[in-house]
Amino acid sequence: MVWKIHSSIQKKVDRFGITVDEVILPNGEEKTFSYLDFAKGVCILPITKDGEVICLKQYRHSLKSWQWELPAGMIDKTDPSPMDTAKRELEEETGYSAVHWLELGSFYPSPGSTSEEIFLFAAAGLNPSEQKLENSEQIELHKLTMEELKTLIKQGDFKHGAGLAAILRYKFITE
């Protein structure tokens, strides 16, 4: 059953939209429901010819800490497709381009509070190019074996949701 929207207010704050809907639930009750409107995004699992994964250690201001992540970013309105965004983000964040790409589908990281959808990819046949970081990006590159990455995940040190989804999808699709 679909909720009936009685009224809706949208606000833009920096790169996020905030929607506040006054809804009528299927049982007739009224409720205020708010959520964040995010741009769609991508996340890439870059795999070297030696089977290592290029991971990022990136400072995240919202958490005030350095986090293990995979390359990721928002889809710009000028990007023709999620794949084009993935190619751009891989090069900007890691300084590598890829010859081979595997689409891993998409997922909604938090559908109860955001409209965000993230498209997942694996990339191989990596060639060095030039890293092009934004002024707010502090990124260290690390090449990790799958076993090292698995250890970080098991210990709870790798918490990047899109990265976890990309790794899981890759494992399920390729095994």
Protein backbone atom coordinates (compact mmCIF):
# COMPACT_ATOMS: atom_id res chain seq x y z
CA MET A 1 0.00 0.00 0.00
CA VAL A 2 1.23 3.46 -0.86
CA TRP A 3 1.16 6.37 1.57
CA LYS A 4 -0.87 9.33 0.40
CA ILE A 5 1.13 12.57 0.51
CA HIS A 6 -1.00 15.39 1.94
CA SER A 7 1.75 18.02 1.64
CA SER A 8 5.47 18.09 0.92
CA ILE A 9 8.25 20.60 1.60
CA GLN A 10 11.71 20.31 0.05
CA LYS A 11 14.78 22.20 1.26
CA LYS A 12 18.33 22.18 -0.08
CA VAL A 13 21.24 22.24 2.40
CA ASP A 14 24.67 22.14 0.77
CA ARG A 15 24.71 18.96 -1.35
CA PHE A 16 21.70 17.36 0.33
CA GLY A 17 17.99 17.81 -0.09
CA ILE A 18 15.64 17.40 2.84
CA THR A 19 12.04 16.39 2.20
CA VAL A 20 9.34 16.65 4.85
CA ASP A 21 6.10 14.94 3.84
CA GLU A 22 2.80 15.04 5.70
CA VAL A 23 1.36 11.63 4.83
CA ILE A 24 -1.80 9.64 5.40
CA LEU A 25 -0.96 6.03 6.23
CA PRO A 26 -3.01 3.12 4.84
CA ASN A 27 -4.80 2.88 8.22
CA GLY A 28 -5.89 6.55 7.91
CA GLU A 29 -3.49 7.97 10.50
CA GLU A 30 -1.51 11.12 9.67
CA LYS A 31 2.25 11.21 10.11
CA THR A 32 5.17 13.51 9.36
CA PHE A 33 7.90 11.63 7.48
CA SER A 34 11.22 13.21 6.54
CA TYR A 35 14.16 11.90 4.57
CA LEU A 36 17.35 13.05 2.85
CA ASP A 37 17.47 13.30 -0.93
CA PHE A 38 20.95 12.16 -1.98
CA ALA A 39 22.45 12.13 -5.43
CA LYS A 40 22.96 8.63 -6.76
CA GLY A 41 26.49 7.30 -6.36
CA VAL A 42 29.01 4.65 -7.36
CA CYS A 43 31.49 2.42 -5.57
CA ILE A 44 34.34 0.55 -7.23
CA LEU A 45 36.25 -2.60 -6.20
CA PRO A 46 39.61 -2.11 -8.00
CA ILE A 47 41.58 -5.34 -8.35
CA THR A 48 45.23 -5.39 -9.46
CA LYS A 49 46.77 -8.03 -11.73
CA ASP A 50 48.21 -9.62 -8.55
CA GLY A 51 44.73 -9.93 -7.05
CA GLU A 52 45.20 -7.11 -4.55
CA VAL A 53 42.49 -4.55 -3.86
CA ILE A 54 43.27 -0.84 -3.96
CA CYS A 55 41.71 0.50 -0.78
CA LEU A 56 41.56 4.03 0.55
CA LYS A 57 42.19 5.29 4.02
CA GLN A 58 40.19 8.53 3.95
CA TYR A 59 39.51 11.22 6.53
CA ARG A 60 35.77 11.59 7.13
CA HIS A 61 34.83 14.78 8.91
CA SER A 62 31.36 13.55 9.91
CA LEU A 63 33.06 10.80 11.96
CA LYS A 64 36.21 12.84 12.82
CA SER A 65 38.32 9.81 11.91
CA TRP A 66 40.16 7.99 9.14
CA GLN A 67 38.12 5.22 7.50
CA TRP A 68 38.96 2.24 5.29
CA GLU A 69 36.96 2.55 2.07
CA LEU A 70 36.79 1.68 -1.60
CA PRO A 71 36.78 4.44 -4.25
CA ALA A 72 33.33 5.99 -4.51
CA GLY A 73 31.54 9.17 -5.45
CA MET A 74 28.40 10.97 -6.50
CA ILE A 75 26.98 10.79 -10.01
CA ASP A 76 27.15 14.27 -11.55
CA LYS A 77 24.28 15.49 -13.71
CA THR A 78 26.78 15.71 -16.59
CA ASP A 79 27.77 12.02 -16.30
CA PRO A 80 26.07 9.99 -19.06
CA SER A 81 25.90 6.82 -16.92
CA PRO A 82 26.93 5.30 -13.58
CA MET A 83 29.75 3.50 -15.44
CA ASP A 84 31.13 6.84 -16.65
CA THR A 85 31.05 8.12 -13.07
CA ALA A 86 32.83 4.99 -11.84
CA LYS A 87 35.60 5.44 -14.41
CA ARG A 88 36.03 9.09 -13.42
CA GLU A 89 35.97 8.42 -9.67
CA LEU A 90 38.45 5.53 -9.91
CA GLU A 91 40.95 7.73 -11.70
CA GLU A 92 40.37 10.81 -9.53
CA GLU A 93 40.68 8.98 -6.21
CA THR A 94 43.29 6.29 -6.99
CA GLY A 95 45.23 7.52 -10.01
CA TYR A 96 44.33 4.35 -11.95
CA SER A 97 42.15 3.66 -14.96
CA ALA A 98 40.75 0.21 -15.73
CA VAL A 99 40.38 -1.83 -18.92
CA HIS A 100 37.87 -4.38 -17.61
CA TRP A 101 34.64 -3.53 -15.78
CA LEU A 102 32.04 -5.75 -14.14
CA GLU A 103 28.69 -4.25 -13.16
CA LEU A 104 27.60 -5.54 -9.74
CA GLY A 105 24.12 -3.96 -9.59
CA SER A 106 22.93 -1.29 -7.19
CA PHE A 107 21.60 -1.07 -3.64
CA TYR A 108 19.89 1.37 -1.28
CA PRO A 109 22.14 1.93 1.76
CA SER A 110 19.47 3.33 4.07
CA PRO A 111 15.99 3.35 2.46
CA GLY A 112 14.28 4.28 5.71
CA SER A 113 15.93 7.70 5.81
CA THR A 114 17.45 8.48 2.40
CA SER A 115 16.66 8.13 -1.30
CA GLU A 116 20.30 7.26 -2.08
CA GLU A 117 21.08 4.51 -4.60
CA ILE A 118 24.65 3.32 -5.16
CA PHE A 119 25.81 1.46 -8.28
CA LEU A 120 28.57 -1.11 -7.68
CA PHE A 121 31.41 -2.11 -10.00
CA ALA A 122 34.55 -4.22 -10.02
CA ALA A 123 37.48 -2.94 -12.09
CA ALA A 124 40.53 -4.84 -13.37
CA GLY A 125 43.31 -4.33 -15.89
CA LEU A 126 44.44 -1.29 -13.92
CA ASN A 127 46.80 1.21 -15.52
CA PRO A 128 48.49 4.03 -13.60
CA SER A 129 47.37 7.53 -14.52
CA GLU A 130 47.10 10.66 -12.38
CA GLN A 131 45.25 11.04 -9.09
CA LYS A 132 43.04 14.16 -9.09
CA LEU A 133 41.79 14.72 -5.56
CA GLU A 134 39.29 17.40 -4.59
CA ASN A 135 40.57 19.95 -2.07
CA SER A 136 38.51 18.34 0.73
CA GLU A 137 39.76 14.79 0.04
CA GLN A 138 42.52 13.40 2.24
CA ILE A 139 43.24 9.93 0.89
CA GLU A 140 46.01 7.38 1.44
CA LEU A 141 46.18 4.48 -1.05
CA HIS A 142 46.80 0.93 0.15
CA LYS A 143 47.06 -2.32 -1.82
CA LEU A 144 45.62 -5.13 0.29
CA THR A 145 45.32 -8.82 -0.39
CA MET A 146 41.80 -10.21 -0.22
CA GLU A 147 42.86 -11.97 2.98
CA GLU A 148 44.02 -8.68 4.54
CA LEU A 149 40.77 -7.03 3.48
CA LYS A 150 38.80 -9.96 4.91
CA THR A 151 40.65 -9.53 8.23
CA LEU A 152 39.81 -5.79 8.34
CA ILE A 153 36.15 -6.64 7.70
CA LYS A 154 36.05 -9.42 10.32
CA GLN A 155 37.70 -7.16 12.92
CA GLY A 156 35.17 -4.41 12.21
CA ASP A 157 37.82 -1.98 10.93
CA PHE A 158 36.38 -1.75 7.38
CA LYS A 159 32.94 -0.17 7.84
CA HIS A 160 32.32 1.46 4.45
CA GLY A 161 28.79 0.32 3.57
CA ALA A 162 29.12 0.67 -0.20
CA GLY A 163 32.50 -1.04 -0.07
CA LEU A 164 31.07 -3.94 1.94
CA ALA A 165 28.21 -4.25 -0.56
CA ALA A 166 30.63 -4.23 -3.53
CA ILE A 167 32.85 -6.90 -1.96
CA LEU A 168 29.86 -9.11 -1.10
CA ARG A 169 28.29 -8.79 -4.56
CA TYR A 170 31.65 -9.47 -6.22
CA LYS A 171 32.21 -12.58 -4.12
CA PHE A 172 28.68 -13.91 -4.78
CA ILE A 173 28.87 -13.22 -8.52
CA THR A 174 32.36 -14.64 -9.10
CA GLU A 175 32.25 -17.70 -6.85
